[in-house]
Amino acid sequence: MEDRKIIELYNYRSENALIETDKKYGKIVTFLICKLIKNTLDVEECRNDTYLGAWMTIPPIIPDNLKAYLLKIARNQALKKYEYIHAAKRDIDKCVPYEELSNYLAKEYMDDWRENELKEQIDIFMTSLSKSHRQIFILKYWYFMPVKEIAKCTNMSISKVESILFRTRKKLKKQLTERKYL
């Protein structure tokens, strides 16, 4: 079913919207959540919370890209669950991507991501990257994919991927510094 029709089902408050959403996007939503959460019951809970989040926000929000909208909700749900599960412990594999970027992103701008200029600057930055560099950056910092796995998917060496990530972070820092975000 087309996204437009699924959104219409949400607008009419039809429970079929959830069924169609799960049919079309259930696998990718589950995949994204599984990158952070390993327990099957927690994954299922996050997936259900993702669909509840869509149900509660559509309408009034009418997403231009339903897939991206659902993945954003899923990622946020998985991060919340991950933080809850690991509140007393640190899992270094998942902390590293945030620590790598924390030097580049000013915390004060992270509170209201939808309505701030930083989002626009990140969008501009992302579109300035080549397709392969953008893909590597997203795999690392959105999907939390390890460098070794990124190298395998992109048919590049691990050192090449690490080099691209290093240069991309450096470029992001330069752009944000120039625009007074750092």
Protein backbone atom coordinates (compact mmCIF):
# COMPACT_ATOMS: atom_id res chain seq x y z
CA MET A 1 0.00 0.00 0.00
CA GLU A 2 1.21 3.51 -0.79
CA ASP A 3 2.29 5.77 2.06
CA ARG A 4 -0.37 8.31 1.11
CA LYS A 5 -3.10 5.70 1.64
CA ILE A 6 -1.58 4.55 4.94
CA ILE A 7 -1.55 8.15 6.17
CA GLU A 8 -5.21 8.47 5.13
CA LEU A 9 -5.96 5.44 7.32
CA TYR A 10 -4.25 7.20 10.23
CA ASN A 11 -6.31 10.33 9.52
CA TYR A 12 -9.50 8.27 9.65
CA ARG A 13 -8.24 6.61 12.87
CA SER A 14 -8.52 3.19 11.26
CA GLU A 15 -6.64 0.40 13.03
CA ASN A 16 -5.78 -0.90 9.57
CA ALA A 17 -3.19 1.91 9.48
CA LEU A 18 -1.14 0.01 12.05
CA ILE A 19 -1.52 -3.28 10.18
CA GLU A 20 -0.46 -1.73 6.88
CA THR A 21 2.40 0.14 8.55
CA ASP A 22 3.69 -3.10 10.03
CA LYS A 23 3.35 -4.94 6.71
CA LYS A 24 5.29 -2.29 4.83
CA TYR A 25 7.84 -1.10 7.40
CA GLY A 26 7.91 -3.73 10.16
CA LYS A 27 11.17 -5.33 9.01
CA ILE A 28 13.17 -2.09 8.72
CA VAL A 29 11.77 -0.76 12.01
CA THR A 30 12.73 -4.02 13.74
CA PHE A 31 16.17 -3.99 12.10
CA LEU A 32 16.89 -0.48 13.37
CA ILE A 33 15.73 -1.27 16.90
CA CYS A 34 17.76 -4.50 16.94
CA LYS A 35 20.94 -2.50 16.31
CA LEU A 36 20.59 -1.14 19.86
CA ILE A 37 18.37 -3.59 21.71
CA LYS A 38 19.12 -7.31 21.76
CA ASN A 39 16.30 -8.66 23.94
CA THR A 40 13.38 -9.87 21.78
CA LEU A 41 10.72 -8.66 24.23
CA ASP A 42 12.30 -5.19 24.41
CA VAL A 43 12.51 -5.04 20.62
CA GLU A 44 8.82 -5.91 20.37
CA GLU A 45 7.97 -3.28 22.98
CA CYS A 46 9.94 -0.61 21.09
CA ARG A 47 8.28 -1.60 17.83
CA ASN A 48 4.84 -1.31 19.43
CA ASP A 49 5.82 2.04 20.97
CA THR A 50 6.91 3.19 17.52
CA TYR A 51 3.49 2.40 16.08
CA LEU A 52 1.81 4.03 19.08
CA GLY A 53 3.94 7.11 18.50
CA ALA A 54 2.81 7.23 14.88
CA TRP A 55 -0.81 6.69 15.93
CA MET A 56 -0.65 9.54 18.46
CA THR A 57 1.04 12.04 16.13
CA ILE A 58 -0.62 11.37 12.75
CA PRO A 59 -2.65 13.62 12.63
CA PRO A 60 -1.88 16.46 13.39
CA ILE A 61 1.52 15.80 11.78
CA ILE A 62 1.34 14.63 8.18
CA PRO A 63 4.81 13.29 7.36
CA ASP A 64 6.25 13.89 3.90
CA ASN A 65 8.18 10.65 4.16
CA LEU A 66 6.42 8.01 6.26
CA LYS A 67 9.40 5.64 6.31
CA ALA A 68 11.78 8.31 7.62
CA TYR A 69 9.18 9.45 10.15
CA LEU A 70 8.70 5.90 11.49
CA LEU A 71 12.44 5.27 11.62
CA LYS A 72 12.95 8.46 13.60
CA ILE A 73 10.31 7.37 16.12
CA ALA A 74 11.79 3.84 16.24
CA ARG A 75 15.30 5.13 16.79
CA ASN A 76 14.17 7.43 19.60
CA GLN A 77 12.23 4.59 21.24
CA ALA A 78 15.24 2.28 20.99
CA LEU A 79 17.55 4.92 22.46
CA LYS A 80 15.17 5.49 25.37
CA LYS A 81 14.95 1.75 26.02
CA TYR A 82 18.72 1.38 25.68
CA GLU A 83 19.31 4.18 28.21
CA TYR A 84 16.83 2.57 30.58
CA ILE A 85 18.43 -0.87 30.29
CA HIS A 86 21.98 0.43 30.64
CA ALA A 87 21.34 3.15 33.22
CA ALA A 88 23.80 1.68 35.70
CA LYS A 89 26.35 0.40 33.19
CA ARG A 90 28.14 1.62 30.10
CA ASP A 91 28.30 -0.28 26.83
CA ILE A 92 31.33 1.22 25.13
CA ASP A 93 30.30 0.01 21.65
CA LYS A 94 27.22 2.21 21.64
CA CYS A 95 28.71 5.18 23.54
CA VAL A 96 31.54 5.73 21.08
CA PRO A 97 29.44 7.16 18.20
CA TYR A 98 27.94 9.79 20.52
CA GLU A 99 31.29 10.60 22.09
CA GLU A 100 32.81 11.02 18.62
CA LEU A 101 30.13 13.51 17.64
CA SER A 102 29.62 15.19 21.01
CA ASN A 103 32.59 17.46 20.36
CA TYR A 104 30.89 18.74 17.22
CA LEU A 105 27.32 19.24 18.35
CA ALA A 106 26.46 21.89 20.93
CA LYS A 107 24.10 20.43 23.54
CA GLU A 108 21.94 23.54 23.83
CA TYR A 109 20.72 23.01 20.27
CA MET A 110 19.71 19.39 20.82
CA ASP A 111 16.63 20.15 22.96
CA ASP A 112 14.25 21.08 20.17
CA TRP A 113 15.64 19.29 17.13
CA ARG A 114 12.67 19.90 14.83
CA GLU A 115 12.60 23.67 15.11
CA ASN A 116 16.20 24.77 15.28
CA GLU A 117 18.79 25.98 12.88
CA LEU A 118 21.22 23.21 13.72
CA LYS A 119 18.98 20.67 11.98
CA GLU A 120 19.10 22.82 8.87
CA GLN A 121 22.89 23.07 9.09
CA ILE A 122 23.21 19.30 9.45
CA ASP A 123 20.92 18.84 6.43
CA ILE A 124 23.10 21.22 4.40
CA PHE A 125 26.20 19.39 5.57
CA MET A 126 24.77 15.98 4.68
CA THR A 127 23.78 17.08 1.18
CA SER A 128 27.29 18.45 0.63
CA LEU A 129 28.78 14.98 1.12
CA SER A 130 29.27 12.53 -1.70
CA LYS A 131 26.77 9.69 -1.75
CA SER A 132 29.29 7.14 -0.44
CA HIS A 133 30.52 9.40 2.38
CA ARG A 134 26.95 10.25 3.37
CA GLN A 135 26.07 6.54 3.38
CA ILE A 136 29.05 5.69 5.61
CA PHE A 137 28.27 8.55 8.00
CA ILE A 138 24.61 7.51 8.30
CA LEU A 139 25.46 3.84 8.79
CA LYS A 140 27.80 4.77 11.63
CA TYR A 141 25.84 7.48 13.43
CA TRP A 142 22.23 6.65 12.64
CA TYR A 143 22.26 2.86 12.46
CA PHE A 144 25.17 2.39 14.94
CA MET A 145 26.86 0.01 12.56
CA PRO A 146 30.42 -0.99 13.50
CA VAL A 147 33.21 0.13 11.16
CA LYS A 148 34.00 -3.48 10.26
CA GLU A 149 30.41 -4.06 9.12
CA ILE A 150 30.34 -0.75 7.18
CA ALA A 151 33.55 -1.77 5.41
CA LYS A 152 32.00 -5.08 4.43
CA CYS A 153 28.77 -3.48 3.11
CA THR A 154 30.59 -0.79 1.14
CA ASN A 155 33.39 -3.03 -0.16
CA MET A 156 36.02 -0.75 1.40
CA SER A 157 38.85 -1.46 3.76
CA ILE A 158 38.37 -0.75 7.45
CA SER A 159 41.08 1.93 7.32
CA LYS A 160 39.35 3.63 4.38
CA VAL A 161 36.04 3.75 6.28
CA GLU A 162 37.78 5.06 9.41
CA SER A 163 39.53 7.69 7.32
CA ILE A 164 36.26 8.82 5.70
CA LEU A 165 34.57 9.04 9.10
CA PHE A 166 37.48 11.03 10.54
CA ARG A 167 37.52 13.50 7.64
CA THR A 168 33.73 13.82 7.68
CA ARG A 169 33.68 14.60 11.41
CA LYS A 170 36.46 17.14 10.87
CA LYS A 171 34.50 18.74 8.00
CA LEU A 172 31.35 18.86 10.16
CA LYS A 173 33.28 20.51 12.99
CA LYS A 174 34.70 23.11 10.61
CA GLN A 175 31.27 23.92 9.16
CA LEU A 176 29.64 24.21 12.59
CA THR A 177 32.49 26.33 13.91
CA GLU A 178 32.26 28.68 10.93
CA ARG A 179 28.55 29.11 11.55
CA LYS A 180 29.12 29.72 15.29
CA TYR A 181 27.47 26.51 16.56
CA LEU A 182 30.65 25.56 18.43
